[in-house]
PDB file of N, CA and C in Angstrom:
ATOM      1  N   UNK A   1      78.454  26.595  76.535  1.00  0.00           N
ATOM      2  CA  UNK A   1      78.755  26.815  77.561  1.00  0.00           C
ATOM      3  C   UNK A   1      79.216  25.458  77.562  1.00  0.00           C
ATOM      4  N   UNK A   2      80.689  25.046  78.311  1.00  0.00           N
ATOM      5  CA  UNK A   2      80.956  23.978  78.827  1.00  0.00           C
ATOM      6  C   UNK A   2      81.092  24.110  80.094  1.00  0.00           C
ATOM      7  N   UNK A   3      80.443  22.554  80.797  1.00  0.00           N
ATOM      8  CA  UNK A   3      80.577  21.991  81.936  1.00  0.00           C
ATOM      9  C   UNK A   3      82.047  22.284  82.645  1.00  0.00           C
ATOM     10  N   UNK A   4      82.189  22.378  83.706  1.00  0.00           N
ATOM     11  CA  UNK A   4      83.563  22.419  84.589  1.00  0.00           C
ATOM     12  C   UNK A   4      84.484  21.177  84.685  1.00  0.00           C
ATOM     13  N   UNK A   5      85.393  20.699  83.794  1.00  0.00           N
ATOM     14  CA  UNK A   5      85.948  19.046  84.278  1.00  0.00           C
ATOM     15  C   UNK A   5      86.003  19.103  85.687  1.00  0.00           C
ATOM     16  N   UNK A   6      85.953  18.451  86.140  1.00  0.00           N
ATOM     17  CA  UNK A   6      86.102  17.840  87.799  1.00  0.00           C
ATOM     18  C   UNK A   6      86.414  16.421  87.409  1.00  0.00           C
ATOM     19  N   UNK A   7      87.365  15.765  88.342  1.00  0.00           N
ATOM     20  CA  UNK A   7      88.244  14.863  88.402  1.00  0.00           C
ATOM     21  C   UNK A   7      87.383  14.069  90.101  1.00  0.00           C
ATOM     22  N   UNK A   8      86.347  13.469  89.948  1.00  0.00           N
ATOM     23  CA  UNK A   8      85.522  12.885  90.734  1.00  0.00           C
ATOM     24  C   UNK A   8      85.878  11.337  90.469  1.00  0.00           C
ATOM     25  N   UNK A   9      86.401  10.534  91.595  1.00  0.00           N
ATOM     26  CA  UNK A   9      86.468   9.378  91.467  1.00  0.00           C
ATOM     27  C   UNK A   9      85.127   8.536  90.818  1.00  0.00           C
ATOM     28  N   UNK A  10      85.241   7.333  91.120  1.00  0.00           N
ATOM     29  CA  UNK A  10      83.801   6.505  91.132  1.00  0.00           C
ATOM     30  C   UNK A  10      83.561   6.220  92.466  1.00  0.00           C
ATOM     31  N   UNK A  11      82.144   5.836  92.323  1.00  0.00           N
ATOM     32  CA  UNK A  11      81.154   6.265  93.659  1.00  0.00           C
ATOM     33  C   UNK A  11      80.630   7.064  93.994  1.00  0.00           C
ATOM     34  N   UNK A  12      80.795   8.555  93.230  1.00  0.00           N
ATOM     35  CA  UNK A  12      80.263   9.523  93.456  1.00  0.00           C
ATOM     36  C   UNK A  12      79.150   9.288  91.910  1.00  0.00           C
ATOM     37  N   UNK A  13      78.009   9.993  92.605  1.00  0.00           N
ATOM     38  CA  UNK A  13      77.335  10.134  91.574  1.00  0.00           C
ATOM     39  C   UNK A  13      76.324  11.611  91.421  1.00  0.00           C
ATOM     40  N   UNK A  14      76.388  11.961  90.436  1.00  0.00           N
ATOM     41  CA  UNK A  14      76.271  13.353  90.064  1.00  0.00           C
ATOM     42  C   UNK A  14      74.165  13.489  89.735  1.00  0.00           C
ATOM     43  N   UNK A  15      73.610  14.585  90.697  1.00  0.00           N
ATOM     44  CA  UNK A  15      72.728  14.609  90.540  1.00  0.00           C
ATOM     45  C   UNK A  15      72.074  16.215  90.095  1.00  0.00           C
ATOM     46  N   UNK A  16      72.891  17.070  90.081  1.00  0.00           N
ATOM     47  CA  UNK A  16      72.742  18.605  89.425  1.00  0.00           C
ATOM     48  C   UNK A  16      73.978  19.282  88.762  1.00  0.00           C
ATOM     49  N   UNK A  17      74.026  19.118  87.733  1.00  0.00           N
ATOM     50  CA  UNK A  17      75.477  19.985  87.153  1.00  0.00           C
ATOM     51  C   UNK A  17      75.228  20.860  86.652  1.00  0.00           C
ATOM     52  N   UNK A  18      75.120  22.831  87.093  1.00  0.00           N
ATOM     53  CA  UNK A  18      75.307  23.773  86.160  1.00  0.00           C
ATOM     54  C   UNK A  18      76.262  24.627  86.663  1.00  0.00           C
ATOM     55  N   UNK A  19      77.547  24.349  86.798  1.00  0.00           N
ATOM     56  CA  UNK A  19      78.650  24.192  87.051  1.00  0.00           C
ATOM     57  C   UNK A  19      79.390  24.333  85.909  1.00  0.00           C
ATOM     58  N   UNK A  20      79.369  25.223  85.572  1.00  0.00           N
ATOM     59  CA  UNK A  20      80.171  25.448  83.806  1.00  0.00           C
ATOM     60  C   UNK A  20      81.827  26.684  84.392  1.00  0.00           C
ATOM     61  N   UNK A  21      82.866  26.492  83.037  1.00  0.00           N
ATOM     62  CA  UNK A  21      84.471  26.456  83.162  1.00  0.00           C
ATOM     63  C   UNK A  21      83.745  27.912  82.642  1.00  0.00           C
ATOM     64  N   UNK A  22      83.768  28.627  83.529  1.00  0.00           N
ATOM     65  CA  UNK A  22      83.094  30.096  82.855  1.00  0.00           C
ATOM     66  C   UNK A  22      83.617  31.139  84.465  1.00  0.00           C
ATOM     67  N   UNK A  23      83.922  32.002  84.379  1.00  0.00           N
ATOM     68  CA  UNK A  23      83.748  32.613  85.643  1.00  0.00           C
ATOM     69  C   UNK A  23      82.882  33.931  85.421  1.00  0.00           C
ATOM     70  N   UNK A  24      82.589  33.834  86.525  1.00  0.00           N
ATOM     71  CA  UNK A  24      81.006  35.216  86.216  1.00  0.00           C
ATOM     72  C   UNK A  24      81.369  36.450  85.898  1.00  0.00           C
ATOM     73  N   UNK A  25      80.906  37.370  85.304  1.00  0.00           N
ATOM     74  CA  UNK A  25      80.876  38.302  84.697  1.00  0.00           C
ATOM     75  C   UNK A  25      79.520  38.910  84.192  1.00  0.00           C
ATOM     76  N   UNK A  26      79.733  40.433  84.035  1.00  0.00           N
ATOM     77  CA  UNK A  26      78.567  41.008  84.092  1.00  0.00           C
ATOM     78  C   UNK A  26      77.243  40.208  82.548  1.00  0.00           C
ATOM     79  N   UNK A  27      78.051  39.816  81.995  1.00  0.00           N
ATOM     80  CA  UNK A  27      76.934  39.286  80.975  1.00  0.00           C
ATOM     81  C   UNK A  27      76.610  37.757  81.114  1.00  0.00           C
ATOM     82  N   UNK A  28      77.208  37.221  81.887  1.00  0.00           N
ATOM     83  CA  UNK A  28      76.203  35.927  82.072  1.00  0.00           C
ATOM     84  C   UNK A  28      76.391  35.555  83.862  1.00  0.00           C
ATOM     85  N   UNK A  29      75.970  37.042  84.456  1.00  0.00           N
ATOM     86  CA  UNK A  29      75.396  36.376  85.844  1.00  0.00           C
ATOM     87  C   UNK A  29      74.181  36.293  86.024  1.00  0.00           C
ATOM     88  N   UNK A  30      73.429  36.935  85.151  1.00  0.00           N
ATOM     89  CA  UNK A  30      72.339  36.548  85.277  1.00  0.00           C
ATOM     90  C   UNK A  30      71.689  35.583  84.840  1.00  0.00           C
ATOM     91  N   UNK A  31      71.934  34.823  83.491  1.00  0.00           N
ATOM     92  CA  UNK A  31      71.157  33.570  83.650  1.00  0.00           C
ATOM     93  C   UNK A  31      72.606  32.035  83.843  1.00  0.00           C
ATOM     94  N   UNK A  32      73.559  32.324  83.717  1.00  0.00           N
ATOM     95  CA  UNK A  32      74.721  31.097  84.366  1.00  0.00           C
ATOM     96  C   UNK A  32      74.840  31.148  85.408  1.00  0.00           C
ATOM     97  N   UNK A  33      74.852  32.113  86.444  1.00  0.00           N
ATOM     98  CA  UNK A  33      74.587  32.239  87.898  1.00  0.00           C
ATOM     99  C   UNK A  33      72.891  32.421  88.256  1.00  0.00           C
ATOM    100  N   UNK A  34      72.049  32.017  87.569  1.00  0.00           N
ATOM    101  CA  UNK A  34      70.686  32.108  88.343  1.00  0.00           C
ATOM    102  C   UNK A  34      70.021  31.534  88.960  1.00  0.00           C
ATOM    103  N   UNK A  35      70.959  30.238  88.682  1.00  0.00           N
ATOM    104  CA  UNK A  35      70.408  29.406  89.622  1.00  0.00           C
ATOM    105  C   UNK A  35      70.434  28.779  90.834  1.00  0.00           C
ATOM    106  N   UNK A  36      70.611  29.089  92.075  1.00  0.00           N
ATOM    107  CA  UNK A  36      71.078  28.973  93.370  1.00  0.00           C
ATOM    108  C   UNK A  36      72.472  27.254  93.222  1.00  0.00           C
ATOM    109  N   UNK A  37      71.481  26.261  93.078  1.00  0.00           N
ATOM    110  CA  UNK A  37      72.318  24.978  93.121  1.00  0.00           C
ATOM    111  C   UNK A  37      73.384  25.163  91.688  1.00  0.00           C
ATOM    112  N   UNK A  38      74.324  24.677  91.672  1.00  0.00           N
ATOM    113  CA  UNK A  38      75.003  24.585  90.299  1.00  0.00           C
ATOM    114  C   UNK A  38      75.402  23.464  90.406  1.00  0.00           C
ATOM    115  N   UNK A  39      76.043  22.781  91.597  1.00  0.00           N
ATOM    116  CA  UNK A  39      76.473  21.055  91.406  1.00  0.00           C
ATOM    117  C   UNK A  39      76.125  20.089  93.045  1.00  0.00           C
ATOM    118  N   UNK A  40      75.126  19.311  92.639  1.00  0.00           N
ATOM    119  CA  UNK A  40      74.724  18.242  93.741  1.00  0.00           C
ATOM    120  C   UNK A  40      75.403  16.778  93.904  1.00  0.00           C
ATOM    121  N   UNK A  41      76.570  16.422  94.226  1.00  0.00           N
ATOM    122  CA  UNK A  41      76.787  15.146  93.966  1.00  0.00           C
ATOM    123  C   UNK A  41      76.492  14.464  95.325  1.00  0.00           C
ATOM    124  N   UNK A  42      76.850  12.944  95.296  1.00  0.00           N
ATOM    125  CA  UNK A  42      76.507  12.204  96.544  1.00  0.00           C
ATOM    126  C   UNK A  42      77.391  11.245  96.223  1.00  0.00           C
ATOM    127  N   UNK A  43      77.813  10.016  97.575  1.00  0.00           N
ATOM    128  CA  UNK A  43      78.037   9.278  97.989  1.00  0.00           C
ATOM    129  C   UNK A  43      77.827   8.524  98.516  1.00  0.00           C
ATOM    130  N   UNK A  44      76.512   7.307  97.890  1.00  0.00           N
ATOM    131  CA  UNK A  44      75.797   6.796  99.583  1.00  0.00           C
ATOM    132  C   UNK A  44      76.881   5.655 100.370  1.00  0.00           C
ATOM    133  N   UNK A  45      78.070   5.590  99.704  1.00  0.00           N
ATOM    134  CA  UNK A  45      79.088   4.568 100.686  1.00  0.00           C
ATOM    135  C   UNK A  45      79.713   5.186 101.821  1.00  0.00           C
ATOM    136  N   UNK A  46      80.076   6.423 101.319  1.00  0.00           N
ATOM    137  CA  UNK A  46      80.614   7.368 102.638  1.00  0.00           C
ATOM    138  C   UNK A  46      79.697   8.449 102.870  1.00  0.00           C
ATOM    139  N   UNK A  47      78.235   8.068 102.821  1.00  0.00           N
ATOM    140  CA  UNK A  47      77.380   9.018 103.036  1.00  0.00           C
ATOM    141  C   UNK A  47      77.870  10.269 103.133  1.00  0.00           C
ATOM    142  N   UNK A  48      78.036  11.032 102.340  1.00  0.00           N
ATOM    143  CA  UNK A  48      77.833  12.406 102.049  1.00  0.00           C
ATOM    144  C   UNK A  48      77.933  13.097 101.004  1.00  0.00           C
ATOM    145  N   UNK A  49      76.913  14.518 100.557  1.00  0.00           N
ATOM    146  CA  UNK A  49      76.475  15.089  99.829  1.00  0.00           C
ATOM    147  C   UNK A  49      77.109  16.091  99.669  1.00  0.00           C
ATOM    148  N   UNK A  50      77.760  16.633  98.516  1.00  0.00           N
ATOM    149  CA  UNK A  50      78.515  17.943  98.568  1.00  0.00           C
ATOM    150  C   UNK A  50      77.689  18.540  97.659  1.00  0.00           C
ATOM    151  N   UNK A  51      77.247  19.980  98.278  1.00  0.00           N
ATOM    152  CA  UNK A  51      76.565  20.811  97.038  1.00  0.00           C
ATOM    153  C   UNK A  51      77.360  22.282  97.220  1.00  0.00           C
ATOM    154  N   UNK A  52      76.934  22.960  95.799  1.00  0.00           N
ATOM    155  CA  UNK A  52      78.149  24.066  95.528  1.00  0.00           C
ATOM    156  C   UNK A  52      76.629  25.376  94.710  1.00  0.00           C
ATOM    157  N   UNK A  53      76.805  26.128  96.050  1.00  0.00           N
ATOM    158  CA  UNK A  53      76.192  27.133  95.024  1.00  0.00           C
ATOM    159  C   UNK A  53      76.407  28.222  94.935  1.00  0.00           C
ATOM    160  N   UNK A  54      75.699  29.592  93.951  1.00  0.00           N
ATOM    161  CA  UNK A  54      76.112  30.719  94.190  1.00  0.00           C
ATOM    162  C   UNK A  54      75.250  31.539  94.982  1.00  0.00           C
ATOM    163  N   UNK A  55      75.652  32.246  95.851  1.00  0.00           N
ATOM    164  CA  UNK A  55      74.763  32.885  96.365  1.00  0.00           C
ATOM    165  C   UNK A  55      75.258  34.508  96.407  1.00  0.00           C
ATOM    166  N   UNK A  56      74.360  35.577  96.618  1.00  0.00           N
ATOM    167  CA  UNK A  56      73.144  35.382  96.027  1.00  0.00           C
ATOM    168  C   UNK A  56      72.679  34.966  94.673  1.00  0.00           C
ATOM    169  N   UNK A  57      72.190  34.249  94.405  1.00  0.00           N
ATOM    170  CA  UNK A  57      71.799  33.909  92.573  1.00  0.00           C
ATOM    171  C   UNK A  57      71.797  35.254  92.088  1.00  0.00           C
ATOM    172  N   UNK A  58      72.398  35.054  90.648  1.00  0.00           N
ATOM    173  CA  UNK A  58      72.253  36.309  89.821  1.00  0.00           C
ATOM    174  C   UNK A  58      73.475  37.555  90.324  1.00  0.00           C
ATOM    175  N   UNK A  59      73.810  37.518  90.824  1.00  0.00           N
ATOM    176  CA  UNK A  59      74.528  38.801  91.735  1.00  0.00           C
ATOM    177  C   UNK A  59      76.060  38.268  91.617  1.00  0.00           C
ATOM    178  N   UNK A  60      76.813  39.483  90.294  1.00  0.00           N
ATOM    179  CA  UNK A  60      77.816  39.537  90.515  1.00  0.00           C
ATOM    180  C   UNK A  60      78.793  39.434  91.498  1.00  0.00           C
ATOM    181  N   UNK A  61      78.494  40.253  92.350  1.00  0.00           N
ATOM    182  CA  UNK A  61      79.211  40.388  93.711  1.00  0.00           C
ATOM    183  C   UNK A  61      79.167  39.137  94.840  1.00  0.00           C
ATOM    184  N   UNK A  62      78.106  38.388  94.860  1.00  0.00           N
ATOM    185  CA  UNK A  62      78.209  36.682  95.538  1.00  0.00           C
ATOM    186  C   UNK A  62      79.628  36.190  95.440  1.00  0.00           C
ATOM    187  N   UNK A  63      79.309  34.528  96.079  1.00  0.00           N
ATOM    188  CA  UNK A  63      80.661  34.236  95.414  1.00  0.00           C
ATOM    189  C   UNK A  63      79.986  32.563  95.786  1.00  0.00           C
ATOM    190  N   UNK A  64      80.449  31.508  95.769  1.00  0.00           N
ATOM    191  CA  UNK A  64      80.243  30.194  95.384  1.00  0.00           C
ATOM    192  C   UNK A  64      80.642  29.847  97.697  1.00  0.00           C
ATOM    193  N   UNK A  65      79.413  28.472  97.156  1.00  0.00           N
ATOM    194  CA  UNK A  65      79.321  28.648  98.663  1.00  0.00           C
ATOM    195  C   UNK A  65      79.376  27.061  98.612  1.00  0.00           C
ATOM    196  N   UNK A  66      80.224  26.370  99.147  1.00  0.00           N
ATOM    197  CA  UNK A  66      80.510  24.940  99.230  1.00  0.00           C
ATOM    198  C   UNK A  66      80.136  23.811 100.183  1.00  0.00           C
ATOM    199  N   UNK A  67      79.425  23.304 100.384  1.00  0.00           N
ATOM    200  CA  UNK A  67      78.728  22.613 101.841  1.00  0.00           C
ATOM    201  C   UNK A  67      78.769  20.766 101.607  1.00  0.00           C
ATOM    202  N   UNK A  68      79.602  20.719 102.753  1.00  0.00           N
ATOM    203  CA  UNK A  68      79.505  18.474 102.943  1.00  0.00           C
ATOM    204  C   UNK A  68      78.116  18.516 103.901  1.00  0.00           C
ATOM    205  N   UNK A  69      77.398  17.678 103.456  1.00  0.00           N
ATOM    206  CA  UNK A  69      76.613  17.317 104.389  1.00  0.00           C
ATOM    207  C   UNK A  69      76.487  15.469 104.592  1.00  0.00           C
ATOM    208  N   UNK A  70      75.979  15.125 106.348  1.00  0.00           N
ATOM    209  CA  UNK A  70      76.512  13.900 105.949  1.00  0.00           C
ATOM    210  C   UNK A  70      75.216  13.342 105.871  1.00  0.00           C
ATOM    211  N   UNK A  71      74.649  12.216 105.307  1.00  0.00           N
ATOM    212  CA  UNK A  71      73.648  11.693 104.332  1.00  0.00           C
ATOM    213  C   UNK A  71      73.038  10.142 105.784  1.00  0.00           C
ATOM    214  N   UNK A  72      71.767  10.056 105.825  1.00  0.00           N
ATOM    215  CA  UNK A  72      71.083   9.009 106.881  1.00  0.00           C
ATOM    216  C   UNK A  72      70.521   8.249 106.246  1.00  0.00           C
ATOM    217  N   UNK A  73      69.935   7.577 106.086  1.00  0.00           N
ATOM    218  CA  UNK A  73      68.890   6.526 106.300  1.00  0.00           C
ATOM    219  C   UNK A  73      67.240   7.111 106.394  1.00  0.00           C
ATOM    220  N   UNK A  74      66.678   7.318 105.462  1.00  0.00           N
ATOM    221  CA  UNK A  74      64.988   7.956 105.559  1.00  0.00           C
ATOM    222  C   UNK A  74      64.112   7.315 105.680  1.00  0.00           C
ATOM    223  N   UNK A  75      63.354   6.677 105.788  1.00  0.00           N
ATOM    224  CA  UNK A  75      62.168   5.900 105.317  1.00  0.00           C
ATOM    225  C   UNK A  75      60.904   7.393 104.265  1.00  0.00           C
ATOM    226  N   UNK A  76      60.725   7.207 103.521  1.00  0.00           N
ATOM    227  CA  UNK A  76      59.629   7.750 102.364  1.00  0.00           C
ATOM    228  C   UNK A  76      58.870   7.308 102.231  1.00  0.00           C
ATOM    229  N   UNK A  77      57.364   7.581 103.201  1.00  0.00           N
ATOM    230  CA  UNK A  77      56.131   6.751 103.045  1.00  0.00           C
ATOM    231  C   UNK A  77      55.825   7.161 101.593  1.00  0.00           C
ATOM    232  N   UNK A  78      55.430   8.431 101.111  1.00  0.00           N
ATOM    233  CA  UNK A  78      55.124   8.620  99.634  1.00  0.00           C
ATOM    234  C   UNK A  78      55.437   7.892  98.712  1.00  0.00           C
ATOM    235  N   UNK A  79      57.098   7.124  98.924  1.00  0.00           N
ATOM    236  CA  UNK A  79      57.255   6.742  98.169  1.00  0.00           C
ATOM    237  C   UNK A  79      57.230   5.261  98.078  1.00  0.00           C
ATOM    238  N   UNK A  80      57.562   5.184  99.492  1.00  0.00           N
ATOM    239  CA  UNK A  80      57.717   3.800  99.997  1.00  0.00           C
ATOM    240  C   UNK A  80      58.940   3.393  99.866  1.00  0.00           C
ATOM    241  N   UNK A  81      59.655   3.958 100.139  1.00  0.00           N
ATOM    242  CA  UNK A  81      61.354   3.160 100.144  1.00  0.00           C
ATOM    243  C   UNK A  81      61.795   3.882 101.043  1.00  0.00           C
ATOM    244  N   UNK A  82      63.755   3.454 101.459  1.00  0.00           N
ATOM    245  CA  UNK A  82      64.352   4.313 101.807  1.00  0.00           C
ATOM    246  C   UNK A  82      65.285   4.943 100.962  1.00  0.00           C
ATOM    247  N   UNK A  83      65.778   5.717 101.584  1.00  0.00           N
ATOM    248  CA  UNK A  83      66.102   7.253 100.957  1.00  0.00           C
ATOM    249  C   UNK A  83      67.714   7.644 101.746  1.00  0.00           C
ATOM    250  N   UNK A  84      68.801   8.102 101.480  1.00  0.00           N
ATOM    251  CA  UNK A  84      69.246   8.760 102.063  1.00  0.00           C
ATOM    252  C   UNK A  84      69.509  10.092 102.101  1.00  0.00           C
ATOM    253  N   UNK A  85      69.242  10.719 103.215  1.00  0.00           N
ATOM    254  CA  UNK A  85      69.269  12.460 102.924  1.00  0.00           C
ATOM    255  C   UNK A  85      70.013  12.854 103.959  1.00  0.00           C
ATOM    256  N   UNK A  86      70.224  14.050 103.784  1.00  0.00           N
ATOM    257  CA  UNK A  86      71.010  15.031 104.769  1.00  0.00           C
ATOM    258  C   UNK A  86      70.611  14.924 106.292  1.00  0.00           C
ATOM    259  N   UNK A  87      71.642  14.490 107.193  1.00  0.00           N
ATOM    260  CA  UNK A  87      70.654  14.442 108.453  1.00  0.00           C
ATOM    261  C   UNK A  87      69.914  16.037 109.029  1.00  0.00           C
ATOM    262  N   UNK A  88      70.989  16.924 108.732  1.00  0.00           N
ATOM    263  CA  UNK A  88      70.059  18.143 109.258  1.00  0.00           C
ATOM    264  C   UNK A  88      70.193  19.162 108.215  1.00  0.00           C
ATOM    265  N   UNK A  89      69.890  20.342 108.419  1.00  0.00           N
ATOM    266  CA  UNK A  89      70.155  21.303 107.331  1.00  0.00           C
ATOM    267  C   UNK A  89      71.842  22.104 107.686  1.00  0.00           C
ATOM    268  N   UNK A  90      72.121  21.754 108.453  1.00  0.00           N
ATOM    269  CA  UNK A  90      73.204  22.237 108.882  1.00  0.00           C
ATOM    270  C   UNK A  90      74.641  21.843 108.424  1.00  0.00           C
ATOM    271  N   UNK A  91      75.872  21.920 107.397  1.00  0.00           N
ATOM    272  CA  UNK A  91      76.727  21.389 106.932  1.00  0.00           C
ATOM    273  C   UNK A  91      77.749  20.899 108.073  1.00  0.00           C
ATOM    274  N   UNK A  92      78.277  20.045 107.603  1.00  0.00           N
ATOM    275  CA  UNK A  92      79.388  19.523 108.603  1.00  0.00           C
ATOM    276  C   UNK A  92      80.790  20.206 107.908  1.00  0.00           C
ATOM    277  N   UNK A  93      80.593  20.655 107.172  1.00  0.00           N
ATOM    278  CA  UNK A  93      82.160  21.472 106.269  1.00  0.00           C
ATOM    279  C   UNK A  93      81.299  22.158 105.328  1.00  0.00           C
ATOM    280  N   UNK A  94      82.086  23.859 105.246  1.00  0.00           N
ATOM    281  CA  UNK A  94      81.613  24.943 104.666  1.00  0.00           C
ATOM    282  C   UNK A  94      82.642  25.403 104.115  1.00  0.00           C
ATOM    283  N   UNK A  95      82.483  26.456 102.955  1.00  0.00           N
ATOM    284  CA  UNK A  95      83.782  26.615 102.264  1.00  0.00           C
ATOM    285  C   UNK A  95      83.350  28.038 101.484  1.00  0.00           C
ATOM    286  N   UNK A  96      84.084  29.310 101.474  1.00  0.00           N
ATOM    287  CA  UNK A  96      83.542  30.036 100.023  1.00  0.00           C
ATOM    288  C   UNK A  96      84.639  30.514  99.357  1.00  0.00           C
ATOM    289  N   UNK A  97      83.955  30.733  98.106  1.00  0.00           N
ATOM    290  CA  UNK A  97      85.134  31.787  97.563  1.00  0.00           C
ATOM    291  C   UNK A  97      84.631  32.307  96.498  1.00  0.00           C
ATOM    292  N   UNK A  98      85.359  32.885  95.912  1.00  0.00           N
ATOM    293  CA  UNK A  98      84.751  34.097  94.793  1.00  0.00           C
ATOM    294  C   UNK A  98      85.629  33.092  93.342  1.00  0.00           C
ATOM    295  N   UNK A  99      86.430  31.991  93.890  1.00  0.00           N
ATOM    296  CA  UNK A  99      87.583  31.882  92.642  1.00  0.00           C
ATOM    297  C   UNK A  99      86.701  30.557  92.344  1.00  0.00           C
ATOM    298  N   UNK A 100      86.504  30.537  91.478  1.00  0.00           N
ATOM    299  CA  UNK A 100      86.165  29.172  90.475  1.00  0.00           C
ATOM    300  C   UNK A 100      87.203  27.962  90.783  1.00  0.00           C
ATOM    301  N   UNK A 101      88.680  28.455  90.066  1.00  0.00           N
ATOM    302  CA  UNK A 101      89.832  27.468  90.598  1.00  0.00           C
ATOM    303  C   UNK A 101      89.579  26.905  91.878  1.00  0.00           C
ATOM    304  N   UNK A 102      89.589  27.981  93.111  1.00  0.00           N
ATOM    305  CA  UNK A 102      89.844  27.558  94.042  1.00  0.00           C
ATOM    306  C   UNK A 102      88.595  26.538  94.812  1.00  0.00           C
ATOM    307  N   UNK A 103      87.424  26.974  93.742  1.00  0.00           N
ATOM    308  CA  UNK A 103      86.142  25.327  93.904  1.00  0.00           C
ATOM    309  C   UNK A 103      86.171  24.171  93.719  1.00  0.00           C
ATOM    310  N   UNK A 104      86.823  24.308  91.812  1.00  0.00           N
ATOM    311  CA  UNK A 104      87.348  23.042  91.564  1.00  0.00           C
ATOM    312  C   UNK A 104      88.411  22.201  92.920  1.00  0.00           C
ATOM    313  N   UNK A 105      89.451  22.896  92.728  1.00  0.00           N
ATOM    314  CA  UNK A 105      90.248  22.533  93.546  1.00  0.00           C
ATOM    315  C   UNK A 105      89.684  21.861  95.467  1.00  0.00           C
ATOM    316  N   UNK A 106      88.918  22.310  95.532  1.00  0.00           N
ATOM    317  CA  UNK A 106      88.596  21.682  96.880  1.00  0.00           C
ATOM    318  C   UNK A 106      87.266  21.004  96.564  1.00  0.00           C
ATOM    319  N   UNK A 107      86.532  21.132  95.527  1.00  0.00           N
ATOM    320  CA  UNK A 107      85.681  19.608  95.761  1.00  0.00           C
ATOM    321  C   UNK A 107      86.483  18.521  95.177  1.00  0.00           C
ATOM    322  N   UNK A 108      87.397  18.867  94.523  1.00  0.00           N
ATOM    323  CA  UNK A 108      88.312  17.509  94.072  1.00  0.00           C
ATOM    324  C   UNK A 108      89.129  16.821  95.481  1.00  0.00           C
ATOM    325  N   UNK A 109      89.517  17.811  96.362  1.00  0.00           N
ATOM    326  CA  UNK A 109      89.871  17.271  97.401  1.00  0.00           C
ATOM    327  C   UNK A 109      89.313  16.459  98.422  1.00  0.00           C
ATOM    328  N   UNK A 110      87.923  17.050  98.295  1.00  0.00           N
ATOM    329  CA  UNK A 110      86.843  16.845  99.185  1.00  0.00           C
ATOM    330  C   UNK A 110      86.296  15.256  98.570  1.00  0.00           C
ATOM    331  N   UNK A 111      86.437  15.258  97.129  1.00  0.00           N
ATOM    332  CA  UNK A 111      85.893  13.649  96.950  1.00  0.00           C
ATOM    333  C   UNK A 111      87.341  12.794  97.358  1.00  0.00           C
ATOM    334  N   UNK A 112      88.167  12.943  96.864  1.00  0.00           N
ATOM    335  CA  UNK A 112      89.358  12.039  96.835  1.00  0.00           C
ATOM    336  C   UNK A 112      89.068  11.792  98.881  1.00  0.00           C
ATOM    337  N   UNK A 113      89.303  12.816  99.125  1.00  0.00           N
ATOM    338  CA  UNK A 113      89.978  12.537 101.206  1.00  0.00           C
ATOM    339  C   UNK A 113      88.315  11.443 101.202  1.00  0.00           C
ATOM    340  N   UNK A 114      87.152  11.995 100.714  1.00  0.00           N
ATOM    341  CA  UNK A 114      86.222  10.861 101.206  1.00  0.00           C
ATOM    342  C   UNK A 114      86.179   9.511 101.002  1.00  0.00           C
ATOM    343  N   UNK A 115      86.704   9.042  99.555  1.00  0.00           N
ATOM    344  CA  UNK A 115      86.894   8.021  99.076  1.00  0.00           C
ATOM    345  C   UNK A 115      88.197   7.285 100.173  1.00  0.00           C
ATOM    346  N   UNK A 116      89.635   8.238 100.089  1.00  0.00           N
ATOM    347  CA  UNK A 116      90.357   7.399 101.459  1.00  0.00           C
ATOM    348  C   UNK A 116      89.866   7.347 102.612  1.00  0.00           C
ATOM    349  N   UNK A 117      89.071   7.944 103.131  1.00  0.00           N
ATOM    350  CA  UNK A 117      88.297   7.546 104.337  1.00  0.00           C
ATOM    351  C   UNK A 117      87.431   6.347 104.135  1.00  0.00           C
ATOM    352  N   UNK A 118      86.792   6.352 103.074  1.00  0.00           N
ATOM    353  CA  UNK A 118      85.736   5.053 102.772  1.00  0.00           C
ATOM    354  C   UNK A 118      86.779   3.826 102.794  1.00  0.00           C
ATOM    355  N   UNK A 119      87.841   3.788 102.141  1.00  0.00           N
ATOM    356  CA  UNK A 119      89.073   2.200 102.224  1.00  0.00           C
ATOM    357  C   UNK A 119      89.383   2.479 103.550  1.00  0.00           C
ATOM    358  N   UNK A 120      89.217   3.106 104.355  1.00  0.00           N
ATOM    359  CA  UNK A 120      90.050   2.419 105.980  1.00  0.00           C
ATOM    360  C   UNK A 120      89.505   1.993 106.968  1.00  0.00           C
TER     361      UNK A 120
END
């Protein structure tokens, strides 16, 4: 299986990627859509994190859920470092679709819009 090609500009870091270039079907729903998180990317300059999940995982009747979270700096006492983490568990933007191409288009629009906002 090939990963889904995405046009992501510089500044974004890919933390997790299991977003494949194949639509869900009876044959692949149990193994390719068995992880709830398919894609996780962040940009510390724009303080944004984008998560893509398939919900419910492994269910052909589920859908993609794309969420954007605002990041804030928080001290991690265990690691003794300051990290950027989601401000809260409620996304500032959410988009659902069964269409992989709609999700690709929305991800690419979001990352380009965030980079444009950063330059202002």
